[in-house]
Amino acid sequence: MQCSETIVTFAVVLTLLACTVTGAKQGARLEAEHVRRIHQNARECVKETGILPKNAFRVLSGDFSVDTMKAKCFVKCFLDKAGFIDDDGVIQQDVIREKLTVGIEAGKVNELIKKCSVEGTDACDTAYQMYKCFFSNHKVPKELFQMRKGIGRRNMQQ
């Protein structure tokens, strides 16, 4: 995957999470503050887990070949900050349902929750498996591909 394709994919993931975290409606323009908060969460999780920024970038972009404990704990940290899981790795179904039904019909959200409420070997593995499942089973809206500026590996390291 070329760098520009990776940046676009990463932008899609971050934008999708920003939409769900902030309750922004599908297709609405995200304010800079929302994107800044997502970047900040990612940077904090990179520092907390010790994962290399490039590997955090790869995982959030859907490259699940980065299957290390640091990658899994990075995803746990990231999902915890989004409110999708708690500190123990317990999936917060009500929070996910509330945040995702803003841009996805309720039936699809319930299917995703049912399908992706997996239990891993520990809290980090549970979060990683859940993220992997959501990423693999949710079609990202086309308009999310438009946001490219300001997201990239360099921003992960700031």
C-alpha atoms as a PDB file:
ATOM      1  CA  MET A   1       0.000   0.000   0.000  1.00  0.00           C
ATOM      2  CA  GLN A   2       1.422   3.375  -0.989  1.00  0.00           C
ATOM      3  CA  CYS A   3       1.873   6.094   1.601  1.00  0.00           C
ATOM      4  CA  SER A   4      -0.914   8.287   0.172  1.00  0.00           C
ATOM      5  CA  GLU A   5      -3.342   5.342   0.183  1.00  0.00           C
ATOM      6  CA  THR A   6      -2.372   4.594   3.757  1.00  0.00           C
ATOM      7  CA  ILE A   7      -2.952   8.207   4.787  1.00  0.00           C
ATOM      8  CA  VAL A   8      -6.394   8.211   3.160  1.00  0.00           C
ATOM      9  CA  THR A   9      -7.297   4.936   4.875  1.00  0.00           C
ATOM     10  CA  PHE A  10      -6.049   6.270   8.203  1.00  0.00           C
ATOM     11  CA  ALA A  11      -8.036   9.460   7.657  1.00  0.00           C
ATOM     12  CA  VAL A  12     -11.136   7.374   7.077  1.00  0.00           C
ATOM     13  CA  VAL A  13     -10.635   5.449  10.309  1.00  0.00           C
ATOM     14  CA  LEU A  14      -9.944   8.543  12.378  1.00  0.00           C
ATOM     15  CA  THR A  15     -12.820  10.423  10.801  1.00  0.00           C
ATOM     16  CA  LEU A  16     -15.190   7.526  11.413  1.00  0.00           C
ATOM     17  CA  LEU A  17     -14.122   7.383  15.038  1.00  0.00           C
ATOM     18  CA  ALA A  18     -14.425  11.143  15.321  1.00  0.00           C
ATOM     19  CA  CYS A  19     -17.975  10.953  13.979  1.00  0.00           C
ATOM     20  CA  THR A  20     -18.896   8.267  16.459  1.00  0.00           C
ATOM     21  CA  VAL A  21     -17.136   9.895  19.387  1.00  0.00           C
ATOM     22  CA  THR A  22     -18.604  13.341  18.829  1.00  0.00           C
ATOM     23  CA  GLY A  23     -22.022  12.305  17.624  1.00  0.00           C
ATOM     24  CA  ALA A  24     -21.577  14.204  14.360  1.00  0.00           C
ATOM     25  CA  LYS A  25     -24.129  13.286  11.719  1.00  0.00           C
ATOM     26  CA  GLN A  26     -23.029  11.284   8.685  1.00  0.00           C
ATOM     27  CA  GLY A  27     -21.807  13.628   5.972  1.00  0.00           C
ATOM     28  CA  ALA A  28     -21.408  16.573   8.335  1.00  0.00           C
ATOM     29  CA  ARG A  29     -18.123  18.429   8.331  1.00  0.00           C
ATOM     30  CA  LEU A  30     -16.010  17.707  11.334  1.00  0.00           C
ATOM     31  CA  GLU A  31     -14.695  20.598  13.285  1.00  0.00           C
ATOM     32  CA  ALA A  32     -10.952  20.861  13.746  1.00  0.00           C
ATOM     33  CA  GLU A  33     -11.374  20.330  17.495  1.00  0.00           C
ATOM     34  CA  HIS A  34     -12.857  16.865  16.988  1.00  0.00           C
ATOM     35  CA  VAL A  35     -10.021  15.772  14.727  1.00  0.00           C
ATOM     36  CA  ARG A  36      -7.477  17.306  17.118  1.00  0.00           C
ATOM     37  CA  ARG A  37      -8.966  15.276  19.976  1.00  0.00           C
ATOM     38  CA  ILE A  38      -8.694  12.053  17.980  1.00  0.00           C
ATOM     39  CA  HIS A  39      -5.047  12.831  17.105  1.00  0.00           C
ATOM     40  CA  GLN A  40      -4.339  13.631  20.747  1.00  0.00           C
ATOM     41  CA  ASN A  41      -5.860  10.337  21.876  1.00  0.00           C
ATOM     42  CA  ALA A  42      -3.764   8.433  19.345  1.00  0.00           C
ATOM     43  CA  ARG A  43      -0.576  10.246  20.424  1.00  0.00           C
ATOM     44  CA  GLU A  44      -1.321   9.590  24.095  1.00  0.00           C
ATOM     45  CA  CYS A  45      -1.904   5.906  23.388  1.00  0.00           C
ATOM     46  CA  VAL A  46       1.363   5.690  21.429  1.00  0.00           C
ATOM     47  CA  LYS A  47       3.185   7.103  24.470  1.00  0.00           C
ATOM     48  CA  GLU A  48       1.301   4.946  26.983  1.00  0.00           C
ATOM     49  CA  THR A  49       1.888   1.683  25.138  1.00  0.00           C
ATOM     50  CA  GLY A  50       5.329   2.276  23.649  1.00  0.00           C
ATOM     51  CA  ILE A  51       4.215   1.160  20.184  1.00  0.00           C
ATOM     52  CA  LEU A  52       6.140   2.635  17.275  1.00  0.00           C
ATOM     53  CA  PRO A  53       4.028   5.372  15.656  1.00  0.00           C
ATOM     54  CA  LYS A  54       4.302   3.656  12.261  1.00  0.00           C
ATOM     55  CA  ASN A  55       2.853   0.461  13.754  1.00  0.00           C
ATOM     56  CA  ALA A  56       0.016   2.355  15.453  1.00  0.00           C
ATOM     57  CA  PHE A  57      -0.662   3.997  12.102  1.00  0.00           C
ATOM     58  CA  ARG A  58      -0.725   0.601  10.382  1.00  0.00           C
ATOM     59  CA  VAL A  59      -3.142  -0.939  12.893  1.00  0.00           C
ATOM     60  CA  LEU A  60      -5.564   1.987  12.780  1.00  0.00           C
ATOM     61  CA  SER A  61      -5.391   1.801   8.984  1.00  0.00           C
ATOM     62  CA  GLY A  62      -6.591  -1.796   9.051  1.00  0.00           C
ATOM     63  CA  ASP A  63      -3.235  -3.546   8.663  1.00  0.00           C
ATOM     64  CA  PHE A  64      -3.746  -6.327  11.167  1.00  0.00           C
ATOM     65  CA  SER A  65      -0.411  -7.980  10.398  1.00  0.00           C
ATOM     66  CA  VAL A  66       0.842  -5.891  13.343  1.00  0.00           C
ATOM     67  CA  ASP A  67      -0.371  -8.473  15.842  1.00  0.00           C
ATOM     68  CA  THR A  68       1.795  -7.672  18.857  1.00  0.00           C
ATOM     69  CA  MET A  69       0.921  -7.020  22.486  1.00  0.00           C
ATOM     70  CA  LYS A  70       1.845  -3.339  22.040  1.00  0.00           C
ATOM     71  CA  ALA A  71      -0.482  -3.079  19.029  1.00  0.00           C
ATOM     72  CA  LYS A  72      -3.304  -4.748  20.925  1.00  0.00           C
ATOM     73  CA  CYS A  73      -2.845  -2.521  23.970  1.00  0.00           C
ATOM     74  CA  PHE A  74      -2.664   0.544  21.720  1.00  0.00           C
ATOM     75  CA  VAL A  75      -6.085  -0.362  20.269  1.00  0.00           C
ATOM     76  CA  LYS A  76      -7.420  -0.965  23.794  1.00  0.00           C
ATOM     77  CA  CYS A  77      -6.191   2.468  24.869  1.00  0.00           C
ATOM     78  CA  PHE A  78      -7.659   4.085  21.762  1.00  0.00           C
ATOM     79  CA  LEU A  79     -11.072   2.388  22.142  1.00  0.00           C
ATOM     80  CA  ASP A  80     -11.073   3.147  25.864  1.00  0.00           C
ATOM     81  CA  LYS A  81     -10.603   6.855  25.124  1.00  0.00           C
ATOM     82  CA  ALA A  82     -13.501   6.616  22.624  1.00  0.00           C
ATOM     83  CA  GLY A  83     -15.652   5.035  25.348  1.00  0.00           C
ATOM     84  CA  PHE A  84     -16.219   1.797  23.409  1.00  0.00           C
ATOM     85  CA  ILE A  85     -14.615  -0.307  26.144  1.00  0.00           C
ATOM     86  CA  ASP A  86     -13.823   0.229  29.802  1.00  0.00           C
ATOM     87  CA  ASP A  87     -10.476  -0.095  31.571  1.00  0.00           C
ATOM     88  CA  ASP A  88     -10.977  -3.843  31.941  1.00  0.00           C
ATOM     89  CA  GLY A  89     -11.683  -4.296  28.230  1.00  0.00           C
ATOM     90  CA  VAL A  90     -15.414  -4.831  28.729  1.00  0.00           C
ATOM     91  CA  ILE A  91     -17.299  -3.778  25.609  1.00  0.00           C
ATOM     92  CA  GLN A  92     -19.668  -0.901  26.340  1.00  0.00           C
ATOM     93  CA  GLN A  93     -22.569  -1.952  24.115  1.00  0.00           C
ATOM     94  CA  ASP A  94     -24.846   0.932  25.119  1.00  0.00           C
ATOM     95  CA  VAL A  95     -22.142   3.495  24.353  1.00  0.00           C
ATOM     96  CA  ILE A  96     -21.348   1.869  21.007  1.00  0.00           C
ATOM     97  CA  ARG A  97     -25.043   1.689  20.155  1.00  0.00           C
ATOM     98  CA  GLU A  98     -25.552   5.353  21.088  1.00  0.00           C
ATOM     99  CA  LYS A  99     -22.541   6.637  19.171  1.00  0.00           C
ATOM    100  CA  LEU A 100     -22.813   4.478  16.060  1.00  0.00           C
ATOM    101  CA  THR A 101     -26.554   4.849  15.485  1.00  0.00           C
ATOM    102  CA  VAL A 102     -25.962   8.501  14.624  1.00  0.00           C
ATOM    103  CA  GLY A 103     -24.668   7.504  11.170  1.00  0.00           C
ATOM    104  CA  ILE A 104     -25.654   3.837  10.841  1.00  0.00           C
ATOM    105  CA  GLU A 105     -29.133   2.348  11.099  1.00  0.00           C
ATOM    106  CA  ALA A 106     -29.868   0.706  14.443  1.00  0.00           C
ATOM    107  CA  GLY A 107     -30.325  -2.792  12.986  1.00  0.00           C
ATOM    108  CA  LYS A 108     -26.850  -2.721  11.435  1.00  0.00           C
ATOM    109  CA  VAL A 109     -25.333  -1.425  14.681  1.00  0.00           C
ATOM    110  CA  ASN A 110     -26.972  -4.249  16.629  1.00  0.00           C
ATOM    111  CA  GLU A 111     -25.602  -6.766  14.092  1.00  0.00           C
ATOM    112  CA  LEU A 112     -22.103  -5.289  14.459  1.00  0.00           C
ATOM    113  CA  ILE A 113     -22.312  -5.390  18.248  1.00  0.00           C
ATOM    114  CA  LYS A 114     -23.522  -8.980  18.236  1.00  0.00           C
ATOM    115  CA  LYS A 115     -20.904 -10.082  15.718  1.00  0.00           C
ATOM    116  CA  CYS A 116     -18.026  -8.105  17.229  1.00  0.00           C
ATOM    117  CA  SER A 117     -18.653  -8.663  20.938  1.00  0.00           C
ATOM    118  CA  VAL A 118     -15.761 -11.059  21.120  1.00  0.00           C
ATOM    119  CA  GLU A 119     -13.714 -12.030  24.114  1.00  0.00           C
ATOM    120  CA  GLY A 120      -9.979 -12.252  23.680  1.00  0.00           C
ATOM    121  CA  THR A 121      -7.317 -13.696  25.931  1.00  0.00           C
ATOM    122  CA  ASP A 122      -7.063 -10.419  27.885  1.00  0.00           C
ATOM    123  CA  ALA A 123      -8.382  -6.840  27.753  1.00  0.00           C
ATOM    124  CA  CYS A 124      -5.923  -5.769  25.047  1.00  0.00           C
ATOM    125  CA  ASP A 125      -6.682  -8.776  22.847  1.00  0.00           C
ATOM    126  CA  THR A 126     -10.434  -8.259  23.287  1.00  0.00           C
ATOM    127  CA  ALA A 127     -10.143  -4.633  22.120  1.00  0.00           C
ATOM    128  CA  TYR A 128      -7.942  -5.610  19.166  1.00  0.00           C
ATOM    129  CA  GLN A 129     -10.305  -8.384  18.041  1.00  0.00           C
ATOM    130  CA  MET A 130     -13.309  -6.068  18.401  1.00  0.00           C
ATOM    131  CA  TYR A 131     -11.638  -3.300  16.365  1.00  0.00           C
ATOM    132  CA  LYS A 132     -10.574  -5.788  13.722  1.00  0.00           C
ATOM    133  CA  CYS A 133     -14.147  -7.097  13.481  1.00  0.00           C
ATOM    134  CA  PHE A 134     -15.692  -3.617  13.275  1.00  0.00           C
ATOM    135  CA  PHE A 135     -13.146  -2.536  10.667  1.00  0.00           C
ATOM    136  CA  SER A 136     -13.796  -5.662   8.582  1.00  0.00           C
ATOM    137  CA  ASN A 137     -17.594  -5.543   8.806  1.00  0.00           C
ATOM    138  CA  HIS A 138     -18.497  -1.871   8.507  1.00  0.00           C
ATOM    139  CA  LYS A 139     -18.595  -0.149   5.146  1.00  0.00           C
ATOM    140  CA  VAL A 140     -17.144   3.335   5.539  1.00  0.00           C
ATOM    141  CA  PRO A 141     -19.231   6.124   3.925  1.00  0.00           C
ATOM    142  CA  LYS A 142     -17.656   7.604   0.765  1.00  0.00           C
ATOM    143  CA  GLU A 143     -17.687  11.175   2.040  1.00  0.00           C
ATOM    144  CA  LEU A 144     -15.187  10.200   4.733  1.00  0.00           C
ATOM    145  CA  PHE A 145     -12.570   9.702   2.026  1.00  0.00           C
ATOM    146  CA  GLN A 146     -12.505  13.458   1.403  1.00  0.00           C
ATOM    147  CA  MET A 147     -10.627  14.345   4.561  1.00  0.00           C
ATOM    148  CA  ARG A 148      -6.901  14.034   3.992  1.00  0.00           C
ATOM    149  CA  LYS A 149      -5.123  17.113   5.318  1.00  0.00           C
ATOM    150  CA  GLY A 150      -3.336  17.003   8.613  1.00  0.00           C
ATOM    151  CA  ILE A 151      -3.438  13.281   9.148  1.00  0.00           C
ATOM    152  CA  GLY A 152      -0.365  11.190   8.762  1.00  0.00           C
ATOM    153  CA  ARG A 153       2.548   9.546  10.431  1.00  0.00           C
ATOM    154  CA  ARG A 154       4.155  12.852  11.357  1.00  0.00           C
ATOM    155  CA  ASN A 155       1.097  13.849  13.386  1.00  0.00           C
ATOM    156  CA  MET A 156       1.245  10.576  15.319  1.00  0.00           C
ATOM    157  CA  GLN A 157       4.711  11.493  16.587  1.00  0.00           C
ATOM    158  CA  GLN A 158       3.960  15.039  17.768  1.00  0.00           C
END
